[in-house]
PDB file of all heavy atoms in Angstrom:
ATOM      1  N   LEU A   1      27.136   0.803  25.484  1.00  0.00           N
ATOM      2  CA  LEU A   1      25.997   1.060  26.396  1.00  0.00           C
ATOM      3  C   LEU A   1      25.889   2.535  26.670  1.00  0.00           C
ATOM      4  O   LEU A   1      24.789   3.133  26.582  1.00  0.00           O
ATOM      5  CB  LEU A   1      26.179   0.290  27.697  1.00  0.00           C
ATOM      6  CG  LEU A   1      25.130   0.531  28.794  1.00  0.00           C
ATOM      7  CD1 LEU A   1      23.747   0.129  28.293  1.00  0.00           C
ATOM      8  CD2 LEU A   1      25.483  -0.245  30.044  1.00  0.00           C
ATOM      9  N   ALA A   2      27.039   3.184  26.978  1.00  0.00           N
ATOM     10  CA  ALA A   2      26.995   4.615  27.231  1.00  0.00           C
ATOM     11  C   ALA A   2      26.612   5.404  26.018  1.00  0.00           C
ATOM     12  O   ALA A   2      25.869   6.394  26.043  1.00  0.00           O
ATOM     13  CB  ALA A   2      28.365   5.096  27.755  1.00  0.00           C
ATOM     14  N   GLY A   3      27.146   4.980  24.826  1.00  0.00           N
ATOM     15  CA  GLY A   3      26.793   5.653  23.585  1.00  0.00           C
ATOM     16  C   GLY A   3      25.294   5.488  23.283  1.00  0.00           C
ATOM     17  O   GLY A   3      24.675   6.489  22.825  1.00  0.00           O
ATOM     18  N   LEU A   4      24.752   4.352  23.497  1.00  0.00           N
ATOM     19  CA  LEU A   4      23.315   4.149  23.252  1.00  0.00           C
ATOM     20  C   LEU A   4      22.497   5.067  24.211  1.00  0.00           C
ATOM     21  O   LEU A   4      21.483   5.698  23.799  1.00  0.00           O
ATOM     22  CB  LEU A   4      22.926   2.704  23.456  1.00  0.00           C
ATOM     23  CG  LEU A   4      21.447   2.326  23.336  1.00  0.00           C
ATOM     24  CD1 LEU A   4      20.956   2.644  21.884  1.00  0.00           C
ATOM     25  CD2 LEU A   4      21.225   0.850  23.626  1.00  0.00           C
ATOM     26  N   ALA A   5      22.898   5.149  25.495  1.00  0.00           N
ATOM     27  CA  ALA A   5      22.208   5.959  26.448  1.00  0.00           C
ATOM     28  C   ALA A   5      22.289   7.467  26.004  1.00  0.00           C
ATOM     29  O   ALA A   5      21.283   8.171  26.126  1.00  0.00           O
ATOM     30  CB  ALA A   5      22.809   5.830  27.837  1.00  0.00           C
ATOM     31  N   MET A   6      23.465   7.906  25.511  1.00  0.00           N
ATOM     32  CA  MET A   6      23.555   9.257  25.041  1.00  0.00           C
ATOM     33  C   MET A   6      22.709   9.505  23.788  1.00  0.00           C
ATOM     34  O   MET A   6      22.141  10.603  23.651  1.00  0.00           O
ATOM     35  CB  MET A   6      25.038   9.596  24.744  1.00  0.00           C
ATOM     36  CG  MET A   6      25.926   9.678  26.011  1.00  0.00           C
ATOM     37  SD  MET A   6      25.384  10.984  27.159  1.00  0.00           S
ATOM     38  CE  MET A   6      25.568  12.432  26.075  1.00  0.00           C
ATOM     39  N   ALA A   7      22.647   8.548  22.910  1.00  0.00           N
ATOM     40  CA  ALA A   7      21.814   8.686  21.689  1.00  0.00           C
ATOM     41  C   ALA A   7      20.359   8.846  22.084  1.00  0.00           C
ATOM     42  O   ALA A   7      19.619   9.679  21.501  1.00  0.00           O
ATOM     43  CB  ALA A   7      21.997   7.463  20.784  1.00  0.00           C
ATOM     44  N   VAL A   8      19.894   8.059  23.067  1.00  0.00           N
ATOM     45  CA  VAL A   8      18.487   8.194  23.505  1.00  0.00           C
ATOM     46  C   VAL A   8      18.276   9.553  24.139  1.00  0.00           C
ATOM     47  O   VAL A   8      17.226  10.210  23.893  1.00  0.00           O
ATOM     48  CB  VAL A   8      18.148   7.063  24.514  1.00  0.00           C
ATOM     49  CG1 VAL A   8      16.775   7.313  25.156  1.00  0.00           C
ATOM     50  CG2 VAL A   8      18.175   5.718  23.778  1.00  0.00           C
ATOM     51  N   THR A   9      19.226  10.039  24.927  1.00  0.00           N
ATOM     52  CA  THR A   9      19.112  11.326  25.561  1.00  0.00           C
ATOM     53  C   THR A   9      19.022  12.443  24.508  1.00  0.00           C
ATOM     54  O   THR A   9      18.258  13.425  24.669  1.00  0.00           O
ATOM     55  CB  THR A   9      20.325  11.575  26.524  1.00  0.00           C
ATOM     56  OG1 THR A   9      20.393  10.539  27.453  1.00  0.00           O
ATOM     57  CG2 THR A   9      20.169  12.881  27.245  1.00  0.00           C
ATOM     58  N   LEU A  10      19.834  12.338  23.465  1.00  0.00           N
ATOM     59  CA  LEU A  10      19.779  13.332  22.380  1.00  0.00           C
ATOM     60  C   LEU A  10      18.442  13.297  21.630  1.00  0.00           C
ATOM     61  O   LEU A  10      17.956  14.337  21.176  1.00  0.00           O
ATOM     62  CB  LEU A  10      20.915  13.076  21.386  1.00  0.00           C
ATOM     63  CG  LEU A  10      22.317  13.619  21.754  1.00  0.00           C
ATOM     64  CD1 LEU A  10      23.350  13.069  20.784  1.00  0.00           C
ATOM     65  CD2 LEU A  10      22.301  15.120  21.696  1.00  0.00           C
ATOM     66  N   ALA A  11      17.841  12.114  21.576  1.00  0.00           N
ATOM     67  CA  ALA A  11      16.573  12.014  20.849  1.00  0.00           C
ATOM     68  C   ALA A  11      15.405  12.524  21.654  1.00  0.00           C
ATOM     69  O   ALA A  11      14.311  12.796  21.079  1.00  0.00           O
ATOM     70  CB  ALA A  11      16.333  10.563  20.452  1.00  0.00           C
ATOM     71  N   LEU A  12      15.540  12.712  22.939  1.00  0.00           N
ATOM     72  CA  LEU A  12      14.453  13.150  23.795  1.00  0.00           C
ATOM     73  C   LEU A  12      14.124  14.599  23.441  1.00  0.00           C
ATOM     74  O   LEU A  12      15.021  15.371  23.086  1.00  0.00           O
ATOM     75  CB  LEU A  12      14.811  13.059  25.274  1.00  0.00           C
ATOM     76  CG  LEU A  12      14.921  11.623  25.830  1.00  0.00           C
ATOM     77  CD1 LEU A  12      15.464  11.666  27.262  1.00  0.00           C
ATOM     78  CD2 LEU A  12      13.581  10.871  25.749  1.00  0.00           C
ATOM     79  N   PRO A  13      12.854  14.958  23.545  1.00  0.00           N
ATOM     80  CA  PRO A  13      12.488  16.350  23.295  1.00  0.00           C
ATOM     81  C   PRO A  13      13.115  17.320  24.332  1.00  0.00           C
ATOM     82  O   PRO A  13      13.361  16.928  25.461  1.00  0.00           O
ATOM     83  CB  PRO A  13      10.970  16.354  23.373  1.00  0.00           C
ATOM     84  CG  PRO A  13      10.625  15.192  24.208  1.00  0.00           C
ATOM     85  CD  PRO A  13      11.683  14.151  23.904  1.00  0.00           C
ATOM     86  N   ASN A  14      13.331  18.552  23.890  1.00  0.00           N
ATOM     87  CA  ASN A  14      13.881  19.532  24.815  1.00  0.00           C
ATOM     88  C   ASN A  14      12.905  19.747  25.972  1.00  0.00           C
ATOM     89  O   ASN A  14      11.678  19.497  25.838  1.00  0.00           O
ATOM     90  CB  ASN A  14      14.154  20.871  24.116  1.00  0.00           C
ATOM     91  CG  ASN A  14      15.207  20.713  22.994  1.00  0.00           C
ATOM     92  OD1 ASN A  14      16.049  19.802  23.069  1.00  0.00           O
ATOM     93  ND2 ASN A  14      15.136  21.594  22.056  1.00  0.00           N
ATOM     94  N   THR A  15      13.450  20.228  27.101  1.00  0.00           N
ATOM     95  CA  THR A  15      12.580  20.495  28.238  1.00  0.00           C
ATOM     96  C   THR A  15      12.720  21.915  28.706  1.00  0.00           C
ATOM     97  O   THR A  15      13.797  22.579  28.465  1.00  0.00           O
ATOM     98  CB  THR A  15      12.912  19.545  29.406  1.00  0.00           C
ATOM     99  OG1 THR A  15      11.931  19.715  30.465  1.00  0.00           O
ATOM    100  CG2 THR A  15      14.273  19.784  29.967  1.00  0.00           C
ATOM    101  N   THR A  16      11.714  22.430  29.363  1.00  0.00           N
ATOM    102  CA  THR A  16      11.799  23.791  29.933  1.00  0.00           C
ATOM    103  C   THR A  16      12.141  23.684  31.434  1.00  0.00           C
ATOM    104  O   THR A  16      11.530  22.849  32.165  1.00  0.00           O
ATOM    105  CB  THR A  16      10.452  24.543  29.753  1.00  0.00           C
ATOM    106  OG1 THR A  16      10.130  24.601  28.347  1.00  0.00           O
ATOM    107  CG2 THR A  16      10.535  25.904  30.376  1.00  0.00           C
ATOM    108  N   VAL A  17      13.110  24.436  31.842  1.00  0.00           N
ATOM    109  CA  VAL A  17      13.568  24.353  33.229  1.00  0.00           C
ATOM    110  C   VAL A  17      13.313  25.668  33.904  1.00  0.00           C
ATOM    111  O   VAL A  17      13.618  26.758  33.349  1.00  0.00           O
ATOM    112  CB  VAL A  17      15.086  24.051  33.315  1.00  0.00           C
ATOM    113  CG1 VAL A  17      15.570  24.027  34.765  1.00  0.00           C
ATOM    114  CG2 VAL A  17      15.366  22.718  32.636  1.00  0.00           C
ATOM    115  N   ARG A  18      12.667  25.663  35.125  1.00  0.00           N
ATOM    116  CA  ARG A  18      12.445  26.821  35.900  1.00  0.00           C
ATOM    117  C   ARG A  18      13.728  27.232  36.629  1.00  0.00           C
ATOM    118  O   ARG A  18      14.229  26.487  37.482  1.00  0.00           O
ATOM    119  CB  ARG A  18      11.297  26.594  36.878  1.00  0.00           C
ATOM    120  CG  ARG A  18       9.941  26.352  36.213  1.00  0.00           C
ATOM    121  CD  ARG A  18       8.837  26.223  37.280  1.00  0.00           C
ATOM    122  NE  ARG A  18       9.082  25.044  38.119  1.00  0.00           N
ATOM    123  CZ  ARG A  18       8.662  23.842  37.857  1.00  0.00           C
ATOM    124  NH1 ARG A  18       7.981  23.602  36.719  1.00  0.00           N
ATOM    125  NH2 ARG A  18       8.879  22.846  38.676  1.00  0.00           N
ATOM    126  N   THR A  19      14.252  28.371  36.288  1.00  0.00           N
ATOM    127  CA  THR A  19      15.519  28.781  36.889  1.00  0.00           C
ATOM    128  C   THR A  19      15.406  29.032  38.412  1.00  0.00           C
ATOM    129  O   THR A  19      16.350  28.958  39.145  1.00  0.00           O
ATOM    130  CB  THR A  19      16.056  30.051  36.239  1.00  0.00           C
ATOM    131  OG1 THR A  19      15.058  31.112  36.303  1.00  0.00           O
ATOM    132  CG2 THR A  19      16.365  29.804  34.765  1.00  0.00           C
ATOM    133  N   ALA A  20      14.162  29.323  38.874  1.00  0.00           N
ATOM    134  CA  ALA A  20      13.991  29.571  40.305  1.00  0.00           C
ATOM    135  C   ALA A  20      14.355  28.331  41.090  1.00  0.00           C
ATOM    136  O   ALA A  20      14.950  28.378  42.185  1.00  0.00           O
ATOM    137  CB  ALA A  20      12.586  30.033  40.591  1.00  0.00           C
ATOM    138  N   GLY A  21      14.019  27.176  40.543  1.00  0.00           N
ATOM    139  CA  GLY A  21      14.270  25.913  41.239  1.00  0.00           C
ATOM    140  C   GLY A  21      15.771  25.604  41.313  1.00  0.00           C
ATOM    141  O   GLY A  21      16.193  24.752  42.090  1.00  0.00           O
ATOM    142  N   LEU A  22      16.552  26.217  40.426  1.00  0.00           N
ATOM    143  CA  LEU A  22      18.007  25.963  40.399  1.00  0.00           C
ATOM    144  C   LEU A  22      18.758  26.988  41.172  1.00  0.00           C
ATOM    145  O   LEU A  22      19.975  26.945  41.290  1.00  0.00           O
ATOM    146  CB  LEU A  22      18.509  25.917  38.997  1.00  0.00           C
ATOM    147  CG  LEU A  22      17.856  24.852  38.072  1.00  0.00           C
ATOM    148  CD1 LEU A  22      18.421  25.001  36.647  1.00  0.00           C
ATOM    149  CD2 LEU A  22      18.135  23.520  38.667  1.00  0.00           C
ATOM    150  N   GLY A  23      18.089  28.048  41.724  1.00  0.00           N
ATOM    151  CA  GLY A  23      18.768  29.096  42.491  1.00  0.00           C
ATOM    152  C   GLY A  23      19.585  29.992  41.605  1.00  0.00           C
ATOM    153  O   GLY A  23      20.585  30.563  42.034  1.00  0.00           O
ATOM    154  N   LEU A  24      19.214  30.158  40.314  1.00  0.00           N
ATOM    155  CA  LEU A  24      19.944  30.999  39.379  1.00  0.00           C
ATOM    156  C   LEU A  24      19.388  32.413  39.381  1.00  0.00           C
ATOM    157  O   LEU A  24      18.261  32.692  39.805  1.00  0.00           O
ATOM    158  CB  LEU A  24      19.853  30.406  37.957  1.00  0.00           C
ATOM    159  CG  LEU A  24      20.450  29.009  37.756  1.00  0.00           C
ATOM    160  CD1 LEU A  24      20.194  28.546  36.341  1.00  0.00           C
ATOM    161  CD2 LEU A  24      21.908  28.971  38.114  1.00  0.00           C
ATOM    162  N   ALA A  25      20.177  33.339  38.824  1.00  0.00           N
ATOM    163  CA  ALA A  25      19.715  34.723  38.713  1.00  0.00           C
ATOM    164  C   ALA A  25      18.527  34.791  37.756  1.00  0.00           C
ATOM    165  O   ALA A  25      18.419  33.974  36.833  1.00  0.00           O
ATOM    166  CB  ALA A  25      20.865  35.560  38.211  1.00  0.00           C
ATOM    167  N   GLY A  26      17.674  35.752  37.956  1.00  0.00           N
ATOM    168  CA  GLY A  26      16.527  35.873  37.094  1.00  0.00           C
ATOM    169  C   GLY A  26      15.428  34.856  37.529  1.00  0.00           C
ATOM    170  O   GLY A  26      14.846  34.202  36.677  1.00  0.00           O
ATOM    171  N   ALA A  27      15.212  34.771  38.830  1.00  0.00           N
ATOM    172  CA  ALA A  27      14.258  33.806  39.330  1.00  0.00           C
ATOM    173  C   ALA A  27      12.873  34.057  38.723  1.00  0.00           C
ATOM    174  O   ALA A  27      12.460  35.198  38.530  1.00  0.00           O
ATOM    175  CB  ALA A  27      14.151  33.914  40.846  1.00  0.00           C
ATOM    176  N   GLY A  28      12.172  33.001  38.433  1.00  0.00           N
ATOM    177  CA  GLY A  28      10.886  33.079  37.819  1.00  0.00           C
ATOM    178  C   GLY A  28      10.929  32.935  36.322  1.00  0.00           C
ATOM    179  O   GLY A  28       9.896  32.706  35.699  1.00  0.00           O
ATOM    180  N   ASN A  29      12.129  33.018  35.703  1.00  0.00           N
ATOM    181  CA  ASN A  29      12.247  32.815  34.312  1.00  0.00           C
ATOM    182  C   ASN A  29      12.353  31.356  33.995  1.00  0.00           C
ATOM    183  O   ASN A  29      12.656  30.501  34.870  1.00  0.00           O
ATOM    184  CB  ASN A  29      13.505  33.571  33.766  1.00  0.00           C
ATOM    185  CG  ASN A  29      13.372  35.057  33.910  1.00  0.00           C
ATOM    186  OD1 ASN A  29      12.220  35.583  33.876  1.00  0.00           O
ATOM    187  ND2 ASN A  29      14.471  35.752  34.047  1.00  0.00           N
ATOM    188  N   GLU A  30      12.168  31.035  32.724  1.00  0.00           N
ATOM    189  CA  GLU A  30      12.295  29.647  32.291  1.00  0.00           C
ATOM    190  C   GLU A  30      13.178  29.608  31.099  1.00  0.00           C
ATOM    191  O   GLU A  30      13.207  30.529  30.281  1.00  0.00           O
ATOM    192  CB  GLU A  30      10.904  29.079  31.922  1.00  0.00           C
ATOM    193  CG  GLU A  30       9.965  28.969  33.111  1.00  0.00           C
ATOM    194  CD  GLU A  30       8.613  28.406  32.709  1.00  0.00           C
ATOM    195  OE1 GLU A  30       8.328  28.373  31.472  1.00  0.00           O
ATOM    196  OE2 GLU A  30       7.832  27.980  33.612  1.00  0.00           O
ATOM    197  N   ILE A  31      13.981  28.523  30.963  1.00  0.00           N
ATOM    198  CA  ILE A  31      14.841  28.335  29.808  1.00  0.00           C
ATOM    199  C   ILE A  31      14.611  26.955  29.224  1.00  0.00           C
ATOM    200  O   ILE A  31      14.217  26.002  29.975  1.00  0.00           O
ATOM    201  CB  ILE A  31      16.329  28.478  30.166  1.00  0.00           C
ATOM    202  CG1 ILE A  31      16.733  27.465  31.254  1.00  0.00           C
ATOM    203  CG2 ILE A  31      16.677  29.910  30.587  1.00  0.00           C
ATOM    204  CD1 ILE A  31      18.206  27.477  31.573  1.00  0.00           C
ATOM    205  N   GLU A  32      14.771  26.839  27.935  1.00  0.00           N
ATOM    206  CA  GLU A  32      14.649  25.549  27.278  1.00  0.00           C
ATOM    207  C   GLU A  32      15.952  24.932  26.993  1.00  0.00           C
ATOM    208  O   GLU A  32      16.881  25.620  26.482  1.00  0.00           O
ATOM    209  CB  GLU A  32      13.889  25.715  25.950  1.00  0.00           C
ATOM    210  CG  GLU A  32      13.576  24.407  25.248  1.00  0.00           C
ATOM    211  CD  GLU A  32      12.893  24.635  23.885  1.00  0.00           C
ATOM    212  OE1 GLU A  32      12.480  25.735  23.628  1.00  0.00           O
ATOM    213  OE2 GLU A  32      12.732  23.621  23.174  1.00  0.00           O
ATOM    214  N   ILE A  33      16.194  23.694  27.379  1.00  0.00           N
ATOM    215  CA  ILE A  33      17.481  23.046  27.218  1.00  0.00           C
ATOM    216  C   ILE A  33      17.291  21.606  26.697  1.00  0.00           C
ATOM    217  O   ILE A  33      16.261  21.016  26.986  1.00  0.00           O
ATOM    218  CB  ILE A  33      18.302  22.951  28.535  1.00  0.00           C
ATOM    219  CG1 ILE A  33      17.528  22.083  29.568  1.00  0.00           C
ATOM    220  CG2 ILE A  33      18.632  24.322  29.100  1.00  0.00           C
ATOM    221  CD1 ILE A  33      18.361  21.758  30.809  1.00  0.00           C
ATOM    222  N   PRO A  34      18.266  21.113  25.908  1.00  0.00           N
ATOM    223  CA  PRO A  34      18.280  19.668  25.573  1.00  0.00           C
ATOM    224  C   PRO A  34      18.687  18.882  26.833  1.00  0.00           C
ATOM    225  O   PRO A  34      19.474  19.365  27.663  1.00  0.00           O
ATOM    226  CB  PRO A  34      19.319  19.567  24.477  1.00  0.00           C
ATOM    227  CG  PRO A  34      19.616  20.941  24.042  1.00  0.00           C
ATOM    228  CD  PRO A  34      19.329  21.805  25.233  1.00  0.00           C
ATOM    229  N   LEU A  35      18.188  17.682  26.983  1.00  0.00           N
ATOM    230  CA  LEU A  35      18.482  16.916  28.203  1.00  0.00           C
ATOM    231  C   LEU A  35      19.894  16.361  28.250  1.00  0.00           C
ATOM    232  O   LEU A  35      20.340  15.866  29.301  1.00  0.00           O
ATOM    233  CB  LEU A  35      17.460  15.765  28.321  1.00  0.00           C
ATOM    234  CG  LEU A  35      16.093  16.240  28.785  1.00  0.00           C
ATOM    235  CD1 LEU A  35      15.075  15.102  28.725  1.00  0.00           C
ATOM    236  CD2 LEU A  35      16.160  16.788  30.181  1.00  0.00           C
ATOM    237  N   PHE A  36      20.683  16.437  27.142  1.00  0.00           N
ATOM    238  CA  PHE A  36      22.088  16.043  27.253  1.00  0.00           C
ATOM    239  C   PHE A  36      22.877  17.077  28.072  1.00  0.00           C
ATOM    240  O   PHE A  36      24.057  16.855  28.363  1.00  0.00           O
ATOM    241  CB  PHE A  36      22.717  15.856  25.887  1.00  0.00           C
ATOM    242  CG  PHE A  36      22.982  17.088  25.084  1.00  0.00           C
ATOM    243  CD1 PHE A  36      24.099  17.828  25.354  1.00  0.00           C
ATOM    244  CD2 PHE A  36      22.089  17.483  24.150  1.00  0.00           C
ATOM    245  CE1 PHE A  36      24.334  19.012  24.602  1.00  0.00           C
ATOM    246  CE2 PHE A  36      22.337  18.632  23.376  1.00  0.00           C
ATOM    247  CZ  PHE A  36      23.429  19.402  23.637  1.00  0.00           C
ATOM    248  N   PHE A  37      22.224  18.197  28.451  1.00  0.00           N
ATOM    249  CA  PHE A  37      22.888  19.193  29.279  1.00  0.00           C
ATOM    250  C   PHE A  37      23.069  18.666  30.704  1.00  0.00           C
ATOM    251  O   PHE A  37      23.720  19.312  31.528  1.00  0.00           O
ATOM    252  CB  PHE A  37      22.096  20.493  29.284  1.00  0.00           C
ATOM    253  CG  PHE A  37      22.492  21.459  28.173  1.00  0.00           C
ATOM    254  CD1 PHE A  37      23.020  20.983  26.989  1.00  0.00           C
ATOM    255  CD2 PHE A  37      22.333  22.811  28.377  1.00  0.00           C
ATOM    256  CE1 PHE A  37      23.349  21.848  25.976  1.00  0.00           C
ATOM    257  CE2 PHE A  37      22.675  23.669  27.324  1.00  0.00           C
ATOM    258  CZ  PHE A  37      23.204  23.189  26.157  1.00  0.00           C
ATOM    259  N   LEU A  38      22.427  17.564  31.034  1.00  0.00           N
ATOM    260  CA  LEU A  38      22.632  16.992  32.408  1.00  0.00           C
ATOM    261  C   LEU A  38      24.075  16.763  32.691  1.00  0.00           C
ATOM    262  O   LEU A  38      24.799  16.233  31.869  1.00  0.00           O
ATOM    263  CB  LEU A  38      21.821  15.681  32.536  1.00  0.00           C
ATOM    264  CG  LEU A  38      20.272  15.776  32.441  1.00  0.00           C
ATOM    265  CD1 LEU A  38      19.699  14.368  32.487  1.00  0.00           C
ATOM    266  CD2 LEU A  38      19.729  16.646  33.554  1.00  0.00           C
ATOM    267  N   PRO A  39      24.573  17.134  33.882  1.00  0.00           N
ATOM    268  CA  PRO A  39      26.001  16.938  34.191  1.00  0.00           C
ATOM    269  C   PRO A  39      26.463  15.470  34.041  1.00  0.00           C
ATOM    270  O   PRO A  39      27.642  15.209  33.756  1.00  0.00           O
ATOM    271  CB  PRO A  39      26.104  17.404  35.640  1.00  0.00           C
ATOM    272  CG  PRO A  39      25.005  18.402  35.767  1.00  0.00           C
ATOM    273  CD  PRO A  39      23.891  17.927  34.930  1.00  0.00           C
ATOM    274  N   SER A  40      25.547  14.519  34.248  1.00  0.00           N
ATOM    275  CA  SER A  40      25.950  13.117  34.174  1.00  0.00           C
ATOM    276  C   SER A  40      26.416  12.746  32.739  1.00  0.00           C
ATOM    277  O   SER A  40      27.108  11.773  32.550  1.00  0.00           O
ATOM    278  CB  SER A  40      24.805  12.227  34.588  1.00  0.00           C
ATOM    279  OG  SER A  40      23.615  12.497  33.774  1.00  0.00           O
ATOM    280  N   SER A  41      25.975  13.586  31.739  1.00  0.00           N
ATOM    281  CA  SER A  41      26.383  13.251  30.375  1.00  0.00           C
ATOM    282  C   SER A  41      27.879  13.399  30.177  1.00  0.00           C
ATOM    283  O   SER A  41      28.475  12.771  29.302  1.00  0.00           O
ATOM    284  CB  SER A  41      25.633  14.173  29.387  1.00  0.00           C
ATOM    285  OG  SER A  41      24.236  13.981  29.457  1.00  0.00           O
ATOM    286  N   ALA A  42      28.516  14.252  30.948  1.00  0.00           N
ATOM    287  CA  ALA A  42      29.978  14.445  30.815  1.00  0.00           C
ATOM    288  C   ALA A  42      30.766  13.180  31.126  1.00  0.00           C
ATOM    289  O   ALA A  42      31.934  13.015  30.722  1.00  0.00           O
ATOM    290  CB  ALA A  42      30.453  15.604  31.714  1.00  0.00           C
ATOM    291  N   VAL A  43      30.158  12.243  31.853  1.00  0.00           N
ATOM    292  CA  VAL A  43      30.824  11.015  32.228  1.00  0.00           C
ATOM    293  C   VAL A  43      31.141  10.162  30.984  1.00  0.00           C
ATOM    294  O   VAL A  43      32.019   9.280  30.991  1.00  0.00           O
ATOM    295  CB  VAL A  43      29.970  10.219  33.237  1.00  0.00           C
ATOM    296  CG1 VAL A  43      30.623   8.890  33.631  1.00  0.00           C
ATOM    297  CG2 VAL A  43      29.783  11.030  34.487  1.00  0.00           C
TER     298      VAL A  43
END
């Protein structure tokens, strides 16, 4: 079940994340990340 969920996550298109919403340096910038970067994936 976890492997299938990770496979679906890997298949999802990359997303653009606004760094300002995350409180990171360089506010106003945007970065593109795969969604398996979610911390829950480490579980």
